[in-house]
Amino acid sequence: PNPKKVQEWVESLPKMNVGETAKRLYSAIQELNRLKTDSDTRFQLMEIMRGPIHYICKSLEKHFLNKAVVLPPKEAKIAALAQALQNHLATGYKAVTMQLLPRVKNMDKDAKKLCQKAIHRAISEQSHVLLRSFQLYYPPPANFWQEMHLLYLISQRFGMLEQVIEDPEDDNWESGVYDLYLRALLLATAKPNQLRQTQIEQVYDA
């Protein structure tokens, strides 16, 4: 399981068959999260998986957004799959963060740079999970805010809040950890339970 092989595997996915690709990605991301590997390799693997997972989550949305507020069982299952995919992706980036922390504490500059990127990605993925939760009028997953606050706290403690990182999966928006954290907080305080699904996404994008 090295980045080159995973990239080849991703490129061979049947992307036109959304259901099959979603199933394969779901198995693979769980497998990668259990894999014992170094932080740099894990980060590369997550980056390779991230684009396809975003693509599939977007493709699955037509099955559960702009439908009845109480979803039928099949559509609810598809929504849960999209949430699980991004949750597992966030877990991978959080694992990178935890692996790097000892080196960050020892003032390793390269580790700090990668750790900041991993936290940025983890918060980004969790923010998508939060957005989808609000759009489906579900509560955020258990321990969601505890983990968000912890990621923010780590960034604050080691001076990683403000540095800007480009994100190809977010319209190449250059943002820092602070920006993403603030975005999630503002979305949560915008009374999303009183907004339509499209309005919730507009607030998030704004």
Protein backbone atom coordinates (compact mmCIF):
# COMPACT_ATOMS: atom_id res chain seq x y z
CA PRO A 1 0.00 0.00 0.00
CA ASN A 2 2.07 2.90 -1.29
CA PRO A 3 0.86 6.22 -2.79
CA LYS A 4 1.69 5.24 -6.37
CA LYS A 5 -0.30 1.99 -6.17
CA VAL A 6 -3.25 3.69 -4.44
CA GLN A 7 -3.25 6.37 -7.16
CA GLU A 8 -3.41 3.63 -9.82
CA TRP A 9 -6.26 1.95 -7.93
CA VAL A 10 -8.18 5.25 -7.70
CA GLU A 11 -7.74 5.89 -11.43
CA SER A 12 -9.17 2.42 -12.20
CA LEU A 13 -12.42 3.07 -10.27
CA PRO A 14 -15.63 2.85 -12.35
CA LYS A 15 -16.65 6.47 -11.67
CA MET A 16 -19.70 6.28 -13.91
CA ASN A 17 -21.03 3.57 -11.59
CA VAL A 18 -21.48 5.76 -8.50
CA GLY A 19 -22.83 2.99 -6.25
CA GLU A 20 -19.98 0.57 -6.95
CA THR A 21 -17.32 3.30 -6.63
CA ALA A 22 -18.83 4.48 -3.33
CA LYS A 23 -18.70 0.92 -1.95
CA ARG A 24 -15.07 0.44 -2.99
CA LEU A 25 -14.01 3.82 -1.57
CA TYR A 26 -15.82 3.05 1.68
CA SER A 27 -13.92 -0.24 2.10
CA ALA A 28 -10.61 1.31 1.06
CA ILE A 29 -10.73 4.34 3.36
CA GLN A 30 -11.50 2.11 6.35
CA GLU A 31 -8.62 -0.17 5.37
CA LEU A 32 -6.21 2.76 5.03
CA ASN A 33 -7.22 4.10 8.44
CA ARG A 34 -6.26 0.76 10.00
CA LEU A 35 -2.97 0.63 8.09
CA LYS A 36 0.21 0.99 10.13
CA THR A 37 2.34 3.52 8.27
CA ASP A 38 4.28 6.74 8.81
CA SER A 39 2.55 10.15 8.93
CA ASP A 40 3.92 11.39 5.57
CA THR A 41 2.69 8.30 3.70
CA ARG A 42 -0.69 8.39 5.48
CA PHE A 43 -1.14 12.04 4.50
CA GLN A 44 -0.33 11.26 0.85
CA LEU A 45 -2.82 8.37 0.86
CA MET A 46 -5.56 10.61 2.30
CA GLU A 47 -4.86 13.27 -0.33
CA ILE A 48 -5.20 10.68 -3.11
CA MET A 49 -8.53 9.44 -1.68
CA ARG A 50 -9.91 12.92 -1.01
CA GLY A 51 -10.78 13.98 -4.58
CA PRO A 52 -12.71 10.79 -5.44
CA ILE A 53 -14.56 10.85 -2.11
CA HIS A 54 -15.64 14.46 -2.69
CA TYR A 55 -16.76 13.56 -6.22
CA ILE A 56 -18.81 10.58 -5.00
CA CYS A 57 -20.37 12.50 -2.07
CA LYS A 58 -21.47 15.21 -4.52
CA SER A 59 -22.89 12.56 -6.87
CA LEU A 60 -24.84 10.91 -4.02
CA GLU A 61 -26.49 14.18 -2.97
CA LYS A 62 -29.17 14.00 -5.66
CA HIS A 63 -30.59 10.95 -3.83
CA PHE A 64 -31.19 12.70 -0.50
CA LEU A 65 -31.21 16.51 -0.93
CA ASN A 66 -34.38 18.39 -1.96
CA LYS A 67 -36.47 15.39 -0.96
CA ALA A 68 -38.96 14.86 1.87
CA VAL A 69 -37.68 16.07 5.25
CA VAL A 70 -38.06 12.53 6.63
CA LEU A 71 -36.08 10.41 4.17
CA PRO A 72 -37.25 6.93 3.10
CA PRO A 73 -34.94 4.11 4.31
CA LYS A 74 -33.01 3.78 1.00
CA GLU A 75 -32.26 7.51 0.72
CA ALA A 76 -31.38 7.70 4.43
CA LYS A 77 -28.87 4.89 3.87
CA ILE A 78 -27.25 6.78 0.96
CA ALA A 79 -27.02 9.94 3.09
CA ALA A 80 -25.40 7.91 5.89
CA LEU A 81 -22.86 6.53 3.39
CA ALA A 82 -21.86 10.04 2.27
CA GLN A 83 -21.45 11.08 5.92
CA ALA A 84 -19.40 7.97 6.71
CA LEU A 85 -17.06 8.49 3.75
CA GLN A 86 -16.14 12.01 4.86
CA ASN A 87 -16.01 11.04 8.52
CA HIS A 88 -13.47 8.30 7.72
CA LEU A 89 -11.48 10.77 5.62
CA ALA A 90 -11.41 13.22 8.54
CA THR A 91 -10.32 10.35 10.82
CA GLY A 92 -7.35 9.68 8.53
CA TYR A 93 -6.21 13.29 8.71
CA LYS A 94 -6.68 13.30 12.50
CA ALA A 95 -4.49 10.19 12.70
CA VAL A 96 -1.77 12.07 10.77
CA THR A 97 -2.09 14.94 13.27
CA MET A 98 -1.69 12.66 16.29
CA GLN A 99 1.28 10.87 14.72
CA LEU A 100 3.03 14.20 14.08
CA LEU A 101 2.41 15.83 17.46
CA PRO A 102 5.52 14.43 19.23
CA ARG A 103 7.70 15.86 16.43
CA VAL A 104 5.83 19.18 16.50
CA LYS A 105 6.48 19.43 20.25
CA ASN A 106 10.19 18.95 19.49
CA MET A 107 10.14 21.99 17.17
CA ASP A 108 10.41 19.96 13.93
CA LYS A 109 9.50 22.54 11.24
CA ASP A 110 8.60 20.00 8.54
CA ALA A 111 6.35 18.12 10.96
CA LYS A 112 4.65 21.37 11.97
CA LYS A 113 3.97 22.28 8.34
CA LEU A 114 2.44 18.87 7.57
CA CYS A 115 0.51 18.81 10.86
CA GLN A 116 -1.06 22.17 10.05
CA LYS A 117 -2.12 20.85 6.64
CA ALA A 118 -3.59 17.70 8.20
CA ILE A 119 -5.59 19.73 10.76
CA HIS A 120 -6.80 22.05 7.98
CA ARG A 121 -8.00 19.04 5.95
CA ALA A 122 -9.59 17.35 8.99
CA ILE A 123 -11.59 20.48 9.87
CA SER A 124 -12.58 20.88 6.21
CA GLU A 125 -13.93 17.31 6.03
CA GLN A 126 -15.73 17.67 9.36
CA SER A 127 -17.27 20.93 8.13
CA HIS A 128 -18.76 19.09 5.14
CA VAL A 129 -20.21 16.53 7.55
CA LEU A 130 -21.69 19.38 9.60
CA LEU A 131 -23.16 21.03 6.50
CA ARG A 132 -24.80 17.77 5.41
CA SER A 133 -26.14 17.17 8.94
CA PHE A 134 -27.81 20.58 8.92
CA GLN A 135 -29.17 20.05 5.39
CA LEU A 136 -30.78 16.80 6.55
CA TYR A 137 -31.94 18.43 9.81
CA TYR A 138 -29.94 15.88 11.83
CA PRO A 139 -27.82 16.72 14.88
CA PRO A 140 -24.04 16.70 14.24
CA PRO A 141 -22.33 13.34 14.95
CA ALA A 142 -21.45 12.47 18.56
CA ASN A 143 -18.34 14.29 19.87
CA PHE A 144 -18.30 16.47 16.74
CA TRP A 145 -17.68 19.78 18.51
CA GLN A 146 -15.30 18.26 21.03
CA GLU A 147 -13.07 17.12 18.17
CA MET A 148 -13.37 20.44 16.30
CA HIS A 149 -12.40 22.39 19.41
CA LEU A 150 -9.50 20.02 20.07
CA LEU A 151 -8.12 20.48 16.54
CA TYR A 152 -8.42 24.25 16.97
CA LEU A 153 -6.72 24.07 20.37
CA ILE A 154 -3.76 22.09 18.98
CA SER A 155 -3.38 24.66 16.17
CA GLN A 156 -3.53 27.53 18.63
CA ARG A 157 -1.05 25.89 21.01
CA PHE A 158 1.59 25.43 18.29
CA GLY A 159 1.00 28.63 16.30
CA MET A 160 -0.70 27.04 13.28
CA LEU A 161 -3.93 29.07 13.09
CA GLU A 162 -3.21 31.80 10.59
CA GLN A 163 -0.97 30.28 7.91
CA VAL A 164 -2.81 30.02 4.61
CA ILE A 165 -3.29 26.68 2.83
CA GLU A 166 -4.72 26.18 -0.66
CA ASP A 167 -7.52 23.65 -0.97
CA PRO A 168 -8.23 22.19 -4.45
CA GLU A 169 -11.47 20.64 -3.15
CA ASP A 170 -12.82 24.01 -1.95
CA ASP A 171 -12.57 26.07 -5.17
CA ASN A 172 -8.87 26.58 -4.43
CA TRP A 173 -9.91 28.82 -1.54
CA GLU A 174 -6.81 29.83 0.40
CA SER A 175 -7.70 29.63 4.07
CA GLY A 176 -6.16 29.01 7.46
CA VAL A 177 -7.31 26.70 10.25
CA TYR A 178 -8.86 29.74 11.94
CA ASP A 179 -10.97 30.53 8.83
CA LEU A 180 -12.37 26.99 8.60
CA TYR A 181 -13.10 26.80 12.32
CA LEU A 182 -14.88 30.15 12.19
CA ARG A 183 -16.88 29.02 9.16
CA ALA A 184 -18.21 25.98 11.07
CA LEU A 185 -19.10 28.10 14.10
CA LEU A 186 -20.90 30.73 12.01
CA LEU A 187 -22.86 28.05 10.15
CA ALA A 188 -23.97 26.53 13.45
CA THR A 189 -25.17 29.90 14.78
CA ALA A 190 -27.11 30.83 11.60
CA LYS A 191 -30.23 28.92 12.75
CA PRO A 192 -29.87 26.29 9.99
CA ASN A 193 -32.93 24.43 11.30
CA GLN A 194 -35.01 27.38 10.06
CA LEU A 195 -33.43 27.50 6.59
CA ARG A 196 -34.02 25.53 3.41
CA GLN A 197 -31.35 23.09 2.25
CA THR A 198 -30.17 25.37 -0.58
CA GLN A 199 -30.03 28.35 1.80
CA ILE A 200 -27.90 26.38 4.27
CA GLU A 201 -25.37 25.70 1.51
CA GLN A 202 -25.43 29.36 0.45
CA VAL A 203 -24.64 30.40 4.04
CA TYR A 204 -21.81 27.86 4.16
CA ASP A 205 -20.35 29.09 0.85
CA ALA A 206 -20.65 32.73 1.89
